């Protein structure tokens, strides 16, 4: 491959830090990957029809059957923290 890949620049874009050994190893791997992509780009695919899916895609569904839920008091008794008729959970949003 004629071009030199700036692995440190790519790592900076990805916000990861690499050791010198990782730069060498990943540089070689990235170079090999780009060579494969270039080889694929040379293939004649003019007679190959466009494909949205290469494998069958289908939804898996089940019947919507109503079943009894757990008793509210049973659930509240098992909760680590309770506040009246509700389960109290830690705040996950900051103000």
C-alpha atoms as a PDB file:
ATOM      1  CA  UNK A   1       0.000   0.000   0.000  1.00  0.00           C
ATOM      2  CA  UNK A   2       1.478   3.326  -1.087  1.00  0.00           C
ATOM      3  CA  UNK A   3      -0.154   5.481   1.572  1.00  0.00           C
ATOM      4  CA  UNK A   4       1.053   5.565   5.155  1.00  0.00           C
ATOM      5  CA  UNK A   5      -1.800   5.400   7.659  1.00  0.00           C
ATOM      6  CA  UNK A   6      -1.495   7.841  10.547  1.00  0.00           C
ATOM      7  CA  UNK A   7      -2.640   5.435  13.261  1.00  0.00           C
ATOM      8  CA  UNK A   8      -2.093   7.973  16.041  1.00  0.00           C
ATOM      9  CA  UNK A   9      -4.384  10.452  14.256  1.00  0.00           C
ATOM     10  CA  UNK A  10      -7.078   7.797  13.826  1.00  0.00           C
ATOM     11  CA  UNK A  11      -6.698   6.873  17.509  1.00  0.00           C
ATOM     12  CA  UNK A  12      -7.088  10.547  18.453  1.00  0.00           C
ATOM     13  CA  UNK A  13     -10.303  10.750  16.422  1.00  0.00           C
ATOM     14  CA  UNK A  14     -11.551   7.645  18.257  1.00  0.00           C
ATOM     15  CA  UNK A  15     -10.425   9.180  21.570  1.00  0.00           C
ATOM     16  CA  UNK A  16      -8.232   6.244  22.527  1.00  0.00           C
ATOM     17  CA  UNK A  17      -4.615   6.199  23.562  1.00  0.00           C
ATOM     18  CA  UNK A  18      -2.196   3.666  22.111  1.00  0.00           C
ATOM     19  CA  UNK A  19       1.239   2.469  23.078  1.00  0.00           C
ATOM     20  CA  UNK A  20       4.017   2.443  20.459  1.00  0.00           C
ATOM     21  CA  UNK A  21       3.629  -1.353  20.167  1.00  0.00           C
ATOM     22  CA  UNK A  22      -0.135  -0.980  19.567  1.00  0.00           C
ATOM     23  CA  UNK A  23       0.484   1.685  16.906  1.00  0.00           C
ATOM     24  CA  UNK A  24       2.735  -0.725  15.005  1.00  0.00           C
ATOM     25  CA  UNK A  25       0.392  -3.702  15.373  1.00  0.00           C
ATOM     26  CA  UNK A  26      -2.822  -1.830  14.564  1.00  0.00           C
ATOM     27  CA  UNK A  27      -1.127   0.032  11.711  1.00  0.00           C
ATOM     28  CA  UNK A  28      -0.263  -3.272  10.054  1.00  0.00           C
ATOM     29  CA  UNK A  29      -3.772  -4.620  10.652  1.00  0.00           C
ATOM     30  CA  UNK A  30      -5.426  -1.467   9.311  1.00  0.00           C
ATOM     31  CA  UNK A  31      -3.166  -1.533   6.259  1.00  0.00           C
ATOM     32  CA  UNK A  32      -4.106  -5.154   5.531  1.00  0.00           C
ATOM     33  CA  UNK A  33      -7.789  -4.330   5.945  1.00  0.00           C
ATOM     34  CA  UNK A  34      -7.577  -1.414   3.526  1.00  0.00           C
ATOM     35  CA  UNK A  35      -5.781  -3.619   0.989  1.00  0.00           C
ATOM     36  CA  UNK A  36      -8.691  -6.091   1.160  1.00  0.00           C
ATOM     37  CA  UNK A  37     -11.193  -3.256   0.688  1.00  0.00           C
ATOM     38  CA  UNK A  38      -9.203  -1.998  -2.324  1.00  0.00           C
ATOM     39  CA  UNK A  39      -9.232  -5.512  -3.799  1.00  0.00           C
ATOM     40  CA  UNK A  40     -13.007  -5.704  -3.358  1.00  0.00           C
ATOM     41  CA  UNK A  41     -13.320  -2.344  -5.099  1.00  0.00           C
ATOM     42  CA  UNK A  42     -11.704  -3.827  -8.217  1.00  0.00           C
ATOM     43  CA  UNK A  43     -14.316  -6.580  -8.583  1.00  0.00           C
ATOM     44  CA  UNK A  44     -16.765  -6.351 -11.489  1.00  0.00           C
ATOM     45  CA  UNK A  45     -20.180  -6.270  -9.869  1.00  0.00           C
ATOM     46  CA  UNK A  46     -22.083  -4.612 -12.722  1.00  0.00           C
ATOM     47  CA  UNK A  47     -24.159  -7.757 -13.316  1.00  0.00           C
ATOM     48  CA  UNK A  48     -24.898  -8.332  -9.620  1.00  0.00           C
ATOM     49  CA  UNK A  49     -28.315  -6.978  -8.601  1.00  0.00           C
ATOM     50  CA  UNK A  50     -28.538  -4.628  -5.652  1.00  0.00           C
ATOM     51  CA  UNK A  51     -29.498  -6.369  -2.432  1.00  0.00           C
ATOM     52  CA  UNK A  52     -30.978  -4.884   0.714  1.00  0.00           C
ATOM     53  CA  UNK A  53     -30.722  -8.111   2.749  1.00  0.00           C
ATOM     54  CA  UNK A  54     -28.423 -11.046   2.123  1.00  0.00           C
ATOM     55  CA  UNK A  55     -30.327 -13.273   4.514  1.00  0.00           C
ATOM     56  CA  UNK A  56     -34.052 -13.539   5.047  1.00  0.00           C
ATOM     57  CA  UNK A  57     -35.366 -10.932   7.456  1.00  0.00           C
ATOM     58  CA  UNK A  58     -38.630 -11.606   9.243  1.00  0.00           C
ATOM     59  CA  UNK A  59     -40.322 -10.540  12.441  1.00  0.00           C
ATOM     60  CA  UNK A  60     -40.810 -13.103  15.151  1.00  0.00           C
ATOM     61  CA  UNK A  61     -44.075 -12.473  16.928  1.00  0.00           C
ATOM     62  CA  UNK A  62     -46.214 -14.122  19.533  1.00  0.00           C
ATOM     63  CA  UNK A  63     -49.848 -13.802  20.454  1.00  0.00           C
ATOM     64  CA  UNK A  64     -50.604 -10.952  22.834  1.00  0.00           C
ATOM     65  CA  UNK A  65     -52.165 -12.863  25.693  1.00  0.00           C
ATOM     66  CA  UNK A  66     -53.217 -11.134  28.867  1.00  0.00           C
ATOM     67  CA  UNK A  67     -52.005 -12.877  32.012  1.00  0.00           C
ATOM     68  CA  UNK A  68     -52.370 -11.884  35.661  1.00  0.00           C
ATOM     69  CA  UNK A  69     -49.543  -9.717  36.962  1.00  0.00           C
ATOM     70  CA  UNK A  70     -47.878  -9.898  40.346  1.00  0.00           C
ATOM     71  CA  UNK A  71     -49.720  -8.546  43.348  1.00  0.00           C
ATOM     72  CA  UNK A  72     -48.664  -4.934  44.076  1.00  0.00           C
ATOM     73  CA  UNK A  73     -47.931  -5.592  47.755  1.00  0.00           C
ATOM     74  CA  UNK A  74     -45.796  -8.628  46.892  1.00  0.00           C
ATOM     75  CA  UNK A  75     -43.690  -6.505  44.540  1.00  0.00           C
ATOM     76  CA  UNK A  76     -43.444  -3.587  46.978  1.00  0.00           C
ATOM     77  CA  UNK A  77     -42.451  -5.910  49.820  1.00  0.00           C
ATOM     78  CA  UNK A  78     -39.592  -7.272  47.681  1.00  0.00           C
ATOM     79  CA  UNK A  79     -38.331  -3.812  46.622  1.00  0.00           C
ATOM     80  CA  UNK A  80     -35.108  -2.609  48.289  1.00  0.00           C
ATOM     81  CA  UNK A  81     -36.655   0.832  48.940  1.00  0.00           C
ATOM     82  CA  UNK A  82     -40.302   1.733  49.088  1.00  0.00           C
ATOM     83  CA  UNK A  83     -42.062   5.088  49.234  1.00  0.00           C
ATOM     84  CA  UNK A  84     -45.756   4.629  49.859  1.00  0.00           C
ATOM     85  CA  UNK A  85     -47.270   2.708  46.937  1.00  0.00           C
ATOM     86  CA  UNK A  86     -44.124   3.124  44.806  1.00  0.00           C
ATOM     87  CA  UNK A  87     -40.670   1.599  44.461  1.00  0.00           C
ATOM     88  CA  UNK A  88     -38.042   4.260  45.207  1.00  0.00           C
ATOM     89  CA  UNK A  89     -35.009   4.200  42.913  1.00  0.00           C
ATOM     90  CA  UNK A  90     -31.852   6.335  42.861  1.00  0.00           C
ATOM     91  CA  UNK A  91     -31.913   9.473  40.736  1.00  0.00           C
ATOM     92  CA  UNK A  92     -30.132   8.952  37.433  1.00  0.00           C
ATOM     93  CA  UNK A  93     -30.552  12.410  35.899  1.00  0.00           C
ATOM     94  CA  UNK A  94     -28.521  15.409  36.955  1.00  0.00           C
ATOM     95  CA  UNK A  95     -29.970  18.845  37.253  1.00  0.00           C
END
